[in-house]
Protein backbone atom coordinates (compact mmCIF):
# COMPACT_ATOMS: atom_id res chain seq x y z
CA UNK A 1 -12.13 -2.46 -6.29
CA UNK A 2 -12.91 0.83 -4.54
CA UNK A 3 -11.41 3.95 -6.04
CA UNK A 4 -11.82 7.35 -4.47
CA UNK A 5 -12.19 10.20 -6.90
CA UNK A 6 -8.87 9.95 -8.72
CA UNK A 7 -6.16 10.77 -8.22
CA UNK A 8 -5.59 9.01 -4.95
CA UNK A 9 -2.63 10.01 -2.86
CA UNK A 10 -2.42 6.52 -1.35
CA UNK A 11 -3.21 3.15 -2.91
CA UNK A 12 -4.08 0.38 -0.44
CA UNK A 13 -3.73 -3.17 -1.78
CA UNK A 14 -5.56 -5.53 0.56
CA UNK A 15 -7.83 -8.47 -0.25
CA UNK A 16 -9.56 -8.37 3.12
CA UNK A 17 -12.46 -5.97 2.73
CA UNK A 18 -12.60 -5.15 6.44
CA UNK A 19 -8.95 -4.12 6.78
CA UNK A 20 -8.89 -2.37 3.42
CA UNK A 21 -11.95 -0.35 4.42
CA UNK A 22 -10.51 0.38 7.88
CA UNK A 23 -7.30 1.73 6.33
CA UNK A 24 -9.28 3.75 3.81
CA UNK A 25 -11.44 5.26 6.57
CA UNK A 26 -8.45 6.06 8.80
CA UNK A 27 -6.51 7.71 5.99
CA UNK A 28 -9.53 9.59 4.63
CA UNK A 29 -10.21 10.99 8.12
CA UNK A 30 -6.60 12.19 8.15
CA UNK A 31 -7.24 14.07 4.89
CA UNK A 32 -5.77 11.65 2.34
CA UNK A 33 -7.41 10.62 -0.93
CA UNK A 34 -7.33 6.81 -0.95
CA UNK A 35 -8.00 4.06 -3.45
CA UNK A 36 -8.30 0.39 -2.45
CA UNK A 37 -7.55 -2.57 -4.72
CA UNK A 38 -8.28 -6.12 -3.58
CA UNK A 39 -5.98 -7.86 -6.05
CA UNK A 40 -2.66 -7.23 -7.75
CA UNK A 41 -4.32 -7.02 -11.17
CA UNK A 42 -6.67 -4.31 -9.92
CA UNK A 43 -3.76 -2.40 -8.42
CA UNK A 44 -1.78 -2.58 -11.66
CA UNK A 45 -4.84 -1.43 -13.63
CA UNK A 46 -5.25 1.52 -11.28
CA UNK A 47 -1.57 2.42 -11.68
CA UNK A 48 -1.90 2.27 -15.49
CA UNK A 49 -5.05 4.41 -15.70
CA UNK A 50 -4.69 7.05 -13.00
CA UNK A 51 -1.92 9.38 -11.87
CA UNK A 52 0.59 7.63 -9.65
CA UNK A 53 -0.15 7.73 -5.92
CA UNK A 54 2.50 9.01 -3.53
CA UNK A 55 2.43 5.80 -1.45
CA UNK A 56 1.30 2.18 -1.68
CA UNK A 57 0.27 0.23 1.42
CA UNK A 58 0.54 -3.46 0.51
CA UNK A 59 -0.78 -6.43 2.43
CA UNK A 60 2.04 -8.93 1.89
CA UNK A 61 -0.05 -12.04 2.42
CA UNK A 62 -2.56 -11.50 -0.35
CA UNK A 63 -4.16 -14.63 -1.77
CA UNK A 64 -1.89 -16.73 -4.01
CA UNK A 65 1.23 -14.85 -2.94
CA UNK A 66 0.01 -11.65 -4.56
CA UNK A 67 1.73 -9.23 -2.19
CA UNK A 68 5.12 -10.79 -2.79
CA UNK A 69 4.38 -10.98 -6.52
CA UNK A 70 3.51 -7.27 -6.58
CA UNK A 71 6.89 -6.40 -5.06
CA UNK A 72 8.59 -8.22 -7.94
CA UNK A 73 6.29 -6.88 -10.67
CA UNK A 74 6.62 -3.25 -9.65
CA UNK A 75 10.25 -3.20 -10.77
CA UNK A 76 9.20 -3.86 -14.38
CA UNK A 77 7.75 -0.34 -14.61
CA UNK A 78 10.16 2.43 -13.52
CA UNK A 79 7.28 4.80 -12.73
CA UNK A 80 5.70 2.23 -10.39
CA UNK A 81 9.08 1.27 -8.95
CA UNK A 82 9.53 4.90 -7.89
CA UNK A 83 6.42 4.82 -5.65
CA UNK A 84 7.29 3.94 -2.04
CA UNK A 85 5.69 0.71 -0.84
CA UNK A 86 5.02 -0.09 2.80
CA UNK A 87 4.50 -3.81 3.39
CA UNK A 88 1.89 -4.80 5.96
CA UNK A 89 1.89 -8.19 7.62
CA UNK A 90 1.68 -10.10 10.85
CA UNK A 91 4.97 -11.83 11.44
CA UNK A 92 7.46 -9.25 12.62
CA UNK A 93 11.05 -9.91 11.57
CA UNK A 94 10.09 -13.07 9.66
CA UNK A 95 8.20 -10.87 7.17
CA UNK A 96 10.09 -7.58 7.54
CA UNK A 97 13.44 -8.87 6.27
CA UNK A 98 12.14 -10.55 3.11
CA UNK A 99 9.81 -7.63 2.37
CA UNK A 100 12.66 -5.14 2.52
CA UNK A 101 14.92 -7.49 0.54
CA UNK A 102 12.30 -7.69 -2.24
CA UNK A 103 12.00 -3.94 -2.47
CA UNK A 104 9.48 -2.71 0.10
CA UNK A 105 10.56 0.67 1.39
CA UNK A 106 9.16 0.12 4.86
CA UNK A 107 7.21 -2.43 6.88
CA UNK A 108 4.45 -2.31 9.48
CA UNK A 109 3.69 -5.33 11.61
CA UNK A 110 -0.02 -6.09 11.83
CA UNK A 111 -2.11 -5.29 13.58
CA UNK A 112 -0.67 -1.78 13.41
CA UNK A 113 -2.39 0.84 15.48
CA UNK A 114 -3.64 4.07 13.93
CA UNK A 115 -0.71 6.11 15.24
CA UNK A 116 1.82 3.78 13.58
CA UNK A 117 -0.03 3.84 10.27
CA UNK A 118 -0.36 7.62 10.28
CA UNK A 119 3.29 8.07 11.26
CA UNK A 120 4.53 6.00 8.32
CA UNK A 121 2.11 7.79 5.98
CA UNK A 122 3.41 11.18 7.18
CA UNK A 123 6.95 10.01 6.45
CA UNK A 124 6.11 9.39 2.78
CA UNK A 125 3.27 11.91 2.33
CA UNK A 126 4.21 14.89 4.48
CA UNK A 127 1.54 17.56 4.85
CA UNK A 128 1.95 20.40 2.39
CA UNK A 129 4.37 18.50 0.15
């Protein structure tokens, strides 16, 4: 688990170290404080111990169905449920529809280019807000 100096503005939940690090680097270069959790348990621990981030970027196909499980678990805590979640996954409409139905606020098909990622981040974390 890699946590930037808390509080992070964005929490990335991704069990692939390379993509988690790439997202962290991209977002940090754009001026965002970022924390990365590799598993759902780590993400939930972060959310319990640090101020809530403004956005969660969630890899839907985490090991053992973790991304889908996180979408369901987040509704158990109203404070976590209030944080926008953007689902990330390769699969287009076959993943987008179920992700939105289970409570993701938005969806990015992978691989998403930097412009797409930054555009969705600006939508939920506008500069100066």
